[in-house]
Amino acid sequence: HVAGIIAAVSGNTIGGSGVSNARILPIRVTDADGSTDTASIVRGIRYAIGARASVINISLGGRGYSELERQAVQDAVRAGIVVVAASGNGGRDGNEPEYPGAYPHVIAVSAVNPRNVALGHSTTGSQVTLAAPGWTILSTAPGGRYKARSGTSMAAAVVSGSAVRLRANRPGLSPSQVATILTSTS
């Protein structure tokens, strides 16, 4: 679903099109149930660094701070990679910062509806860099189908696709310059 929002192919008479025409480097950091741990996320980020990704989309999160995870994100940014993450869906549960979105230099994305109002479950707060559409976003689903989903993961995918487009047109932009352009034009 997230990959389709970022880069579903257009002009093929099937479904819709993604925000960008990025090449997706799929890196699995979760098990079949969608659970993960810090070590898996860190390995995934390090793999993306080694593969010279331009943008890393992290459409997951949790409340646990990890110095190892923060360092992996920092290494990605130092390598010139834009790191975009969902701010989290804990808005109704205390709105506590979720990681990796709350780490420095991460573009943390909350979700809004078509009226530009934050979704009730979208985590908000000072860790959020910007908001993007995240309500009933239609995208690709297993089995060649399409499904609508809502949340900050979908919003992060919209921003990741936008970052890819920026990088394609201006490859010399640093991660902080990409963040500045996205926040000043969103």
Protein backbone atom coordinates (compact mmCIF):
# COMPACT_ATOMS: atom_id res chain seq x y z
CA HIS A 1 0.00 0.00 0.00
CA VAL A 2 2.75 2.45 0.99
CA ALA A 3 4.93 1.58 -2.02
CA GLY A 4 1.95 2.16 -4.31
CA ILE A 5 1.38 5.62 -2.86
CA ILE A 6 5.03 6.45 -3.46
CA ALA A 7 5.53 4.93 -6.89
CA ALA A 8 2.64 3.07 -8.52
CA VAL A 9 3.28 3.10 -12.27
CA SER A 10 1.12 5.47 -14.29
CA GLY A 11 -0.10 5.11 -17.85
CA ASN A 12 -0.52 1.33 -17.72
CA THR A 13 -4.35 1.38 -17.78
CA ILE A 14 -4.37 -0.32 -14.36
CA GLY A 15 -5.36 1.56 -11.22
CA GLY A 16 -3.88 4.91 -10.24
CA SER A 17 -0.42 6.37 -10.12
CA GLY A 18 1.97 7.10 -7.29
CA VAL A 19 3.31 10.47 -6.23
CA SER A 20 6.61 9.77 -8.00
CA ASN A 21 8.08 7.28 -10.42
CA ALA A 22 10.66 6.11 -7.89
CA ARG A 23 12.29 2.74 -7.94
CA ILE A 24 11.32 0.95 -4.74
CA LEU A 25 13.98 -0.90 -2.75
CA PRO A 26 11.80 -3.09 -0.53
CA ILE A 27 13.41 -3.88 2.80
CA ARG A 28 11.44 -6.10 5.16
CA VAL A 29 11.91 -5.19 8.80
CA THR A 30 8.74 -6.83 10.15
CA ASP A 31 7.61 -10.40 10.55
CA ALA A 32 4.46 -11.81 8.93
CA ASP A 33 2.31 -10.28 11.70
CA GLY A 34 3.82 -6.81 11.23
CA SER A 35 5.87 -6.92 14.43
CA THR A 36 9.44 -5.72 14.52
CA ASP A 37 12.27 -4.86 16.86
CA THR A 38 15.00 -2.26 16.99
CA ALA A 39 17.67 -4.56 15.57
CA SER A 40 15.58 -5.24 12.45
CA ILE A 41 14.89 -1.56 11.87
CA VAL A 42 18.57 -0.69 12.31
CA ARG A 43 19.58 -3.45 9.87
CA GLY A 44 17.03 -2.12 7.37
CA ILE A 45 18.32 1.45 7.61
CA ARG A 46 21.92 0.27 7.28
CA TYR A 47 20.97 -1.82 4.24
CA ALA A 48 19.39 1.25 2.62
CA ILE A 49 22.55 3.26 3.33
CA GLY A 50 24.66 0.57 1.69
CA ALA A 51 22.33 0.47 -1.31
CA ARG A 52 22.66 4.27 -1.66
CA ALA A 53 18.97 5.01 -1.31
CA SER A 54 17.96 8.61 -1.92
CA VAL A 55 14.94 8.56 0.42
CA ILE A 56 14.04 6.14 3.20
CA ASN A 57 10.35 5.85 4.06
CA ILE A 58 9.65 4.40 7.49
CA SER A 59 5.91 3.86 7.81
CA LEU A 60 6.01 2.38 11.29
CA GLY A 61 6.88 3.50 14.75
CA GLY A 62 6.67 2.99 18.46
CA ARG A 63 7.21 4.76 21.72
CA GLY A 64 10.59 3.28 22.57
CA TYR A 65 13.65 5.50 22.09
CA SER A 66 16.75 3.62 20.94
CA GLU A 67 20.21 5.11 20.73
CA LEU A 68 21.17 2.48 18.12
CA GLU A 69 18.18 3.41 15.97
CA ARG A 70 18.87 7.14 16.37
CA GLN A 71 22.47 6.58 15.31
CA ALA A 72 21.41 4.59 12.23
CA VAL A 73 19.07 7.43 11.21
CA GLN A 74 21.86 9.95 11.78
CA ASP A 75 24.22 7.86 9.64
CA ALA A 76 21.62 7.79 6.85
CA VAL A 77 21.27 11.58 6.95
CA ARG A 78 25.07 12.00 6.98
CA ALA A 79 25.14 9.78 3.87
CA GLY A 80 22.81 12.29 2.20
CA ILE A 81 19.62 10.24 2.53
CA VAL A 82 16.30 11.92 3.27
CA VAL A 83 14.57 10.02 6.08
CA VAL A 84 10.77 10.31 6.24
CA ALA A 85 8.75 8.58 8.96
CA ALA A 86 5.18 8.36 10.14
CA SER A 87 4.62 10.46 13.27
CA GLY A 88 2.46 7.65 14.66
CA ASN A 89 -1.20 6.94 15.29
CA GLY A 90 -1.25 7.51 19.04
CA GLY A 91 -3.12 10.80 19.04
CA ARG A 92 -5.93 9.34 21.12
CA ASP A 93 -3.53 7.59 23.49
CA GLY A 94 -1.65 10.51 24.99
CA ASN A 95 0.04 11.83 21.86
CA GLU A 96 3.48 10.72 23.03
CA PRO A 97 6.36 10.99 20.53
CA GLU A 98 6.87 7.89 18.43
CA TYR A 99 10.18 6.74 16.98
CA PRO A 100 11.86 6.83 14.53
CA GLY A 101 9.74 9.86 13.59
CA ALA A 102 10.76 11.81 16.71
CA TYR A 103 14.51 11.52 16.13
CA PRO A 104 16.35 14.65 14.98
CA HIS A 105 16.70 15.11 11.21
CA VAL A 106 13.74 12.85 10.43
CA ILE A 107 10.84 14.35 8.48
CA ALA A 108 8.02 13.21 10.77
CA VAL A 109 4.63 13.29 9.06
CA SER A 110 1.19 13.50 10.65
CA ALA A 111 -2.01 12.84 8.71
CA VAL A 112 -4.85 15.15 7.71
CA ASN A 113 -8.25 14.66 6.11
CA PRO A 114 -9.45 16.42 2.92
CA ARG A 115 -10.45 19.47 5.02
CA ASN A 116 -6.83 19.74 6.20
CA VAL A 117 -7.78 18.74 9.76
CA ALA A 118 -5.53 16.33 11.65
CA LEU A 119 -6.93 12.82 11.93
CA GLY A 120 -8.02 12.12 15.51
CA HIS A 121 -5.58 9.25 15.88
CA SER A 122 -2.67 11.06 14.20
CA THR A 123 0.16 11.84 16.60
CA THR A 124 0.83 15.57 16.70
CA GLY A 125 3.31 17.68 18.60
CA SER A 126 6.66 19.37 18.32
CA GLN A 127 8.28 16.28 16.76
CA VAL A 128 6.05 16.60 13.66
CA THR A 129 7.67 18.27 10.67
CA LEU A 130 4.58 18.53 8.48
CA ALA A 131 1.23 16.96 7.67
CA ALA A 132 0.02 15.30 4.48
CA PRO A 133 -3.11 13.54 3.21
CA GLY A 134 -3.72 10.38 5.19
CA TRP A 135 -7.46 9.76 5.18
CA THR A 136 -8.88 6.91 3.05
CA ILE A 137 -5.94 6.88 0.65
CA LEU A 138 -6.56 4.42 -2.17
CA SER A 139 -3.51 2.43 -3.22
CA THR A 140 -2.27 -0.97 -4.26
CA ALA A 141 -3.04 -4.07 -2.20
CA PRO A 142 -1.99 -7.73 -2.43
CA GLY A 143 -3.46 -9.78 -5.25
CA GLY A 144 -3.57 -6.94 -7.77
CA ARG A 145 -6.33 -5.19 -5.85
CA TYR A 146 -6.73 -1.69 -4.41
CA LYS A 147 -7.65 -0.71 -0.90
CA ALA A 148 -8.26 2.52 1.01
CA ARG A 149 -6.34 2.95 4.25
CA SER A 150 -5.89 5.83 6.67
CA GLY A 151 -3.04 6.91 8.93
CA THR A 152 0.32 8.54 9.22
CA SER A 153 1.95 5.72 7.23
CA MET A 154 -0.03 6.82 4.19
CA ALA A 155 0.84 10.49 4.83
CA ALA A 156 4.54 9.63 5.16
CA ALA A 157 4.36 7.86 1.80
CA VAL A 158 2.96 11.02 0.16
CA VAL A 159 5.85 13.04 1.57
CA SER A 160 8.42 10.38 0.60
CA GLY A 161 7.15 10.47 -2.98
CA SER A 162 7.42 14.25 -2.95
CA ALA A 163 10.98 14.05 -1.62
CA VAL A 164 11.87 11.63 -4.41
CA ARG A 165 10.50 14.09 -6.98
CA LEU A 166 12.53 16.92 -5.46
CA ARG A 167 15.67 14.81 -5.48
CA ALA A 168 15.09 13.77 -9.10
CA ASN A 169 14.89 17.39 -10.19
CA ARG A 170 17.62 18.70 -7.89
CA PRO A 171 19.90 15.80 -6.94
CA GLY A 172 22.35 18.02 -5.07
CA LEU A 173 19.86 18.95 -2.35
CA SER A 174 20.87 17.93 1.15
CA PRO A 175 18.34 16.20 3.41
CA SER A 176 17.86 19.43 5.38
CA GLN A 177 17.28 21.40 2.17
CA VAL A 178 14.66 18.88 1.07
CA ALA A 179 12.95 19.23 4.48
CA THR A 180 13.02 23.01 4.20
CA ILE A 181 11.47 22.99 0.73
CA LEU A 182 8.80 20.50 1.74
CA THR A 183 7.83 22.42 4.89
CA SER A 184 7.85 25.82 3.19
CA THR A 185 5.67 24.63 0.30
CA SER A 186 3.32 22.16 1.99
